[in-house]
Amino acid sequence: MATHKVTARKTARPKQRTSPSKPRRARRAHLLIIECDSRKLAADGLNLGTAFAQLARTLFPDKRIAVVKTTSEENLKEELAAAFHTHGRFRSILIVGHSDATGLMLTADGPRTWESVGKWLQIFEPEFCFLAACSAGNSEAVRGLFQPVKTLRHIYGSPVILHKIQTTPLGILIWMLLKDGRLDEDQSGALRIVNYAMTGGQIYRWKRADTGMGAEVQPKLWDGIAKVLDLGPWDLLS
């Protein structure tokens, strides 16, 4: 009987399609400092952002820190665009300026509502915002700032008038964030209590949920407490 050699035919496996991987987003830069209406701040001796930037760059030479000084709204557009082009997103933002619960003197052109300020900032997708400005930690101001900046998780600011001597905790909090990459809530709370005991300064920390839907009553209560505790600045070290 004749035999036939049988060979198994290999069936080619269909090539798996590989979907193009999404490009990884660049890591956030560390700190953006905005000095609002910078000429007036300098004239008032309140250009704290410039001095803090110099110190922070000395202490943390490996951190990406940018400073924007504003004059007109047109200048603001150019400066923020340049900061974004150079650094992209920022994890934290420090704002230094004159303000009240309804708005911030963002440029010399006049005050802008806190919601408008948030719209300027949203391109940077910050997680933390530190406000060295009067009444910027009031619930009305904070709610306006949170609304357009969906990435924003924490806001630190004073719910009442903020004096120069009372701003030190904001710098320490930013230093802690740059150093450790996070803020310890217990240390943050202790620091703010000591600041009130030493200078009369009140610094609130707000989370997004604190001023969201259904959270209107408690923030107003905290605003009222801040007014009661506002006895002006004092310096126990002098």
Protein backbone atom coordinates (compact mmCIF):
# COMPACT_ATOMS: atom_id res chain seq x y z
CA MET A 1 0.00 0.00 0.00
CA ALA A 2 1.35 3.33 -0.96
CA THR A 3 1.81 5.73 1.91
CA HIS A 4 1.42 9.46 1.72
CA LYS A 5 3.37 11.82 3.92
CA VAL A 6 1.01 14.12 5.61
CA THR A 7 2.32 17.48 6.83
CA ALA A 8 0.33 19.69 9.13
CA ARG A 9 -0.37 23.05 7.67
CA LYS A 10 0.32 25.89 10.00
CA THR A 11 -2.42 28.41 10.11
CA ALA A 12 -1.14 31.91 10.38
CA ARG A 13 -2.39 33.74 13.40
CA PRO A 14 -4.02 37.04 12.68
CA LYS A 15 -1.81 39.91 13.66
CA GLN A 16 -3.03 41.69 16.73
CA ARG A 17 -3.76 45.30 16.21
CA THR A 18 -1.95 47.52 18.62
CA SER A 19 -3.66 50.73 19.43
CA PRO A 20 -1.32 53.70 19.58
CA SER A 21 -0.43 54.49 23.17
CA LYS A 22 -1.60 57.82 24.48
CA PRO A 23 1.23 60.27 25.05
CA ARG A 24 1.95 60.73 28.75
CA ARG A 25 1.13 64.16 30.06
CA ALA A 26 4.08 66.09 31.34
CA ARG A 27 4.32 66.36 35.11
CA ARG A 28 3.07 69.58 36.61
CA ALA A 29 5.51 72.35 37.39
CA HIS A 30 5.65 73.08 41.10
CA LEU A 31 4.59 76.67 41.78
CA LEU A 32 3.18 79.64 39.88
CA ILE A 33 3.25 82.97 41.73
CA ILE A 34 0.99 85.76 40.48
CA GLU A 35 1.52 89.31 41.76
CA CYS A 36 -1.67 91.17 40.89
CA ASP A 37 -1.33 94.82 39.87
CA SER A 38 2.34 94.44 40.71
CA ARG A 39 3.24 98.13 40.56
CA LYS A 40 0.76 98.98 43.29
CA LEU A 41 1.87 96.02 45.39
CA ALA A 42 5.48 97.23 45.11
CA ALA A 43 4.45 100.79 46.03
CA ASP A 44 2.59 99.43 49.08
CA GLY A 45 5.54 97.24 50.09
CA LEU A 46 3.42 94.13 49.53
CA ASN A 47 5.22 92.50 46.60
CA LEU A 48 5.68 89.38 48.70
CA GLY A 49 5.60 87.03 45.72
CA THR A 50 8.89 88.28 44.30
CA ALA A 51 10.75 87.84 47.59
CA PHE A 52 9.21 84.43 48.21
CA ALA A 53 10.12 83.24 44.71
CA GLN A 54 13.77 84.16 45.28
CA LEU A 55 13.82 82.28 48.59
CA ALA A 56 12.02 79.24 47.18
CA ARG A 57 14.39 78.99 44.22
CA THR A 58 17.35 79.10 46.60
CA LEU A 59 15.92 76.41 48.86
CA PHE A 60 14.59 74.23 46.04
CA PRO A 61 16.79 74.74 42.96
CA ASP A 62 15.36 71.61 41.35
CA LYS A 63 11.75 72.83 41.50
CA ARG A 64 10.09 74.63 38.63
CA ILE A 65 8.85 77.97 39.94
CA ALA A 66 7.51 80.84 37.82
CA VAL A 67 6.48 84.40 38.65
CA VAL A 68 3.92 86.46 36.75
CA LYS A 69 3.61 90.19 37.45
CA THR A 70 0.48 91.81 36.11
CA THR A 71 -0.22 95.36 35.00
CA SER A 72 -2.95 95.47 32.37
CA GLU A 73 -5.29 92.71 31.27
CA GLU A 74 -3.48 92.53 27.92
CA ASN A 75 -0.21 92.08 29.76
CA LEU A 76 -1.83 89.37 31.91
CA LYS A 77 -2.79 87.39 28.82
CA GLU A 78 0.76 87.53 27.50
CA GLU A 79 2.39 86.64 30.82
CA LEU A 80 0.10 83.69 31.55
CA ALA A 81 0.48 82.41 27.98
CA ALA A 82 4.27 82.60 28.32
CA ALA A 83 4.16 80.74 31.65
CA PHE A 84 2.00 78.00 30.16
CA HIS A 85 4.17 77.72 27.05
CA THR A 86 7.31 77.34 29.18
CA HIS A 87 6.03 75.19 32.04
CA GLY A 88 2.59 73.82 31.16
CA ARG A 89 0.46 72.96 34.17
CA PHE A 90 1.25 73.91 37.76
CA ARG A 91 0.45 71.92 40.86
CA SER A 92 0.08 74.98 43.09
CA ILE A 93 -0.56 78.69 42.63
CA LEU A 94 0.15 81.57 45.00
CA ILE A 95 -1.81 84.76 44.39
CA VAL A 96 -0.72 88.02 46.01
CA GLY A 97 -3.02 91.01 45.63
CA HIS A 98 -5.67 93.37 46.95
CA SER A 99 -9.13 91.85 47.21
CA ASP A 100 -12.35 91.37 49.13
CA ALA A 101 -14.94 88.60 49.29
CA THR A 102 -16.44 89.60 45.92
CA GLY A 103 -13.35 89.95 43.77
CA LEU A 104 -9.62 90.46 43.21
CA MET A 105 -7.72 93.44 41.79
CA LEU A 106 -6.19 91.12 39.22
CA THR A 107 -4.75 93.98 37.15
CA ALA A 108 -4.71 97.77 37.23
CA ASP A 109 -7.77 97.68 34.94
CA GLY A 110 -10.05 97.00 37.91
CA PRO A 111 -11.38 94.18 40.07
CA ARG A 112 -12.51 90.84 38.69
CA THR A 113 -14.88 88.40 40.35
CA TRP A 114 -13.34 85.32 41.89
CA GLU A 115 -15.08 83.18 39.30
CA SER A 116 -13.38 85.25 36.57
CA VAL A 117 -10.05 84.76 38.33
CA GLY A 118 -10.69 81.02 38.30
CA LYS A 119 -11.27 81.10 34.55
CA TRP A 120 -7.84 82.66 34.08
CA LEU A 121 -6.29 79.90 36.17
CA GLN A 122 -8.11 76.83 34.87
CA ILE A 123 -5.66 76.22 31.99
CA PHE A 124 -2.96 75.45 34.60
CA GLU A 125 -5.09 72.74 36.28
CA PRO A 126 -3.81 73.47 39.81
CA GLU A 127 -4.54 71.29 42.84
CA PHE A 128 -3.61 73.86 45.52
CA CYS A 129 -4.23 77.61 45.65
CA PHE A 130 -2.76 79.93 48.29
CA LEU A 131 -4.29 83.40 48.55
CA ALA A 132 -2.28 86.21 50.13
CA ALA A 133 -5.16 88.64 49.81
CA CYS A 134 -7.83 90.14 52.06
CA SER A 135 -11.03 88.12 52.56
CA ALA A 136 -9.95 85.67 49.87
CA GLY A 137 -10.70 82.81 52.27
CA ASN A 138 -14.31 83.92 52.66
CA SER A 139 -16.75 81.22 51.54
CA GLU A 140 -18.16 83.42 48.76
CA ALA A 141 -14.70 83.99 47.27
CA VAL A 142 -13.70 80.34 47.62
CA ARG A 143 -16.90 79.07 46.02
CA GLY A 144 -16.35 81.37 43.04
CA LEU A 145 -12.77 80.18 42.60
CA PHE A 146 -13.59 76.48 42.89
CA GLN A 147 -16.37 76.61 40.31
CA PRO A 148 -14.38 76.97 37.07
CA VAL A 149 -11.20 75.17 38.21
CA LYS A 150 -12.30 71.54 38.36
CA THR A 151 -8.85 70.24 39.32
CA LEU A 152 -8.60 72.50 42.37
CA ARG A 153 -8.74 70.52 45.63
CA HIS A 154 -7.54 72.88 48.38
CA ILE A 155 -7.67 76.63 48.91
CA TYR A 156 -5.86 78.43 51.73
CA GLY A 157 -6.76 82.04 52.49
CA SER A 158 -7.89 84.51 55.11
CA PRO A 159 -11.66 85.04 55.56
CA VAL A 160 -11.01 88.57 56.87
CA ILE A 161 -8.51 91.38 56.30
CA LEU A 162 -5.02 89.93 55.96
CA HIS A 163 -2.06 91.94 57.23
CA LYS A 164 1.52 91.47 56.08
CA ILE A 165 2.63 90.07 59.44
CA GLN A 166 -0.05 87.36 59.15
CA THR A 167 1.07 85.91 55.81
CA THR A 168 3.97 83.79 57.09
CA PRO A 169 1.92 80.54 57.38
CA LEU A 170 1.14 80.65 53.67
CA GLY A 171 4.86 80.64 52.90
CA ILE A 172 5.49 77.81 55.36
CA LEU A 173 2.65 75.75 53.88
CA ILE A 174 4.05 76.18 50.38
CA TRP A 175 7.53 75.28 51.67
CA MET A 176 6.10 72.09 53.19
CA LEU A 177 4.37 71.22 49.92
CA LEU A 178 7.54 71.79 47.88
CA LYS A 179 9.61 69.79 50.35
CA ASP A 180 7.33 66.80 50.99
CA GLY A 181 4.98 66.83 48.01
CA ARG A 182 2.00 66.86 50.37
CA LEU A 183 0.54 68.77 53.31
CA ASP A 184 -0.04 67.08 56.63
CA GLU A 185 -3.45 68.18 57.93
CA ASP A 186 -2.41 68.07 61.60
CA GLN A 187 0.70 70.15 60.98
CA SER A 188 -1.26 72.56 58.83
CA GLY A 189 -3.92 73.00 61.51
CA ALA A 190 -1.36 73.51 64.28
CA LEU A 191 0.50 76.09 62.20
CA ARG A 192 -2.64 78.10 61.58
CA ILE A 193 -3.63 78.01 65.26
CA VAL A 194 -0.18 79.26 66.28
CA ASN A 195 -0.42 82.02 63.69
CA TYR A 196 -3.66 83.27 65.23
CA ALA A 197 -2.17 83.11 68.73
CA MET A 198 0.95 85.03 67.66
CA THR A 199 -0.39 87.55 65.12
CA GLY A 200 -4.20 87.41 65.10
CA GLY A 201 -4.09 86.11 61.54
CA GLN A 202 -6.73 83.67 60.38
CA ILE A 203 -5.98 81.23 57.55
CA TYR A 204 -8.75 78.87 56.50
CA ARG A 205 -8.28 75.69 54.53
CA TRP A 206 -11.17 74.86 52.22
CA LYS A 207 -11.80 71.63 50.33
CA ARG A 208 -14.03 71.52 47.28
CA ALA A 209 -16.80 69.64 49.09
CA ASP A 210 -16.90 72.32 51.80
CA THR A 211 -18.62 74.81 49.50
CA GLY A 212 -20.46 72.48 47.11
CA MET A 213 -24.16 71.90 46.61
CA GLY A 214 -25.97 71.49 49.90
CA ALA A 215 -23.09 73.02 51.87
CA GLU A 216 -24.27 76.61 52.08
CA VAL A 217 -25.05 76.91 55.80
CA GLN A 218 -21.81 75.75 57.42
CA PRO A 219 -19.50 78.00 55.33
CA LYS A 220 -21.58 81.03 56.31
CA LEU A 221 -21.20 79.96 59.91
CA TRP A 222 -17.42 79.90 59.52
CA ASP A 223 -17.55 83.35 57.90
CA GLY A 224 -19.39 84.62 60.98
CA ILE A 225 -16.90 83.04 63.37
CA ALA A 226 -14.05 84.68 61.47
CA LYS A 227 -15.63 88.12 61.95
CA VAL A 228 -16.03 87.53 65.67
CA LEU A 229 -12.40 86.43 66.01
CA ASP A 230 -11.07 89.29 63.88
CA LEU A 231 -9.41 91.54 66.45
CA GLY A 232 -6.84 93.03 64.08
CA PRO A 233 -3.12 92.24 63.95
CA TRP A 234 -0.88 91.87 66.95
CA ASP A 235 2.70 90.76 67.37
CA LEU A 236 3.57 88.96 70.58
CA LEU A 237 7.22 88.85 69.52
CA SER A 238 7.68 92.62 69.51
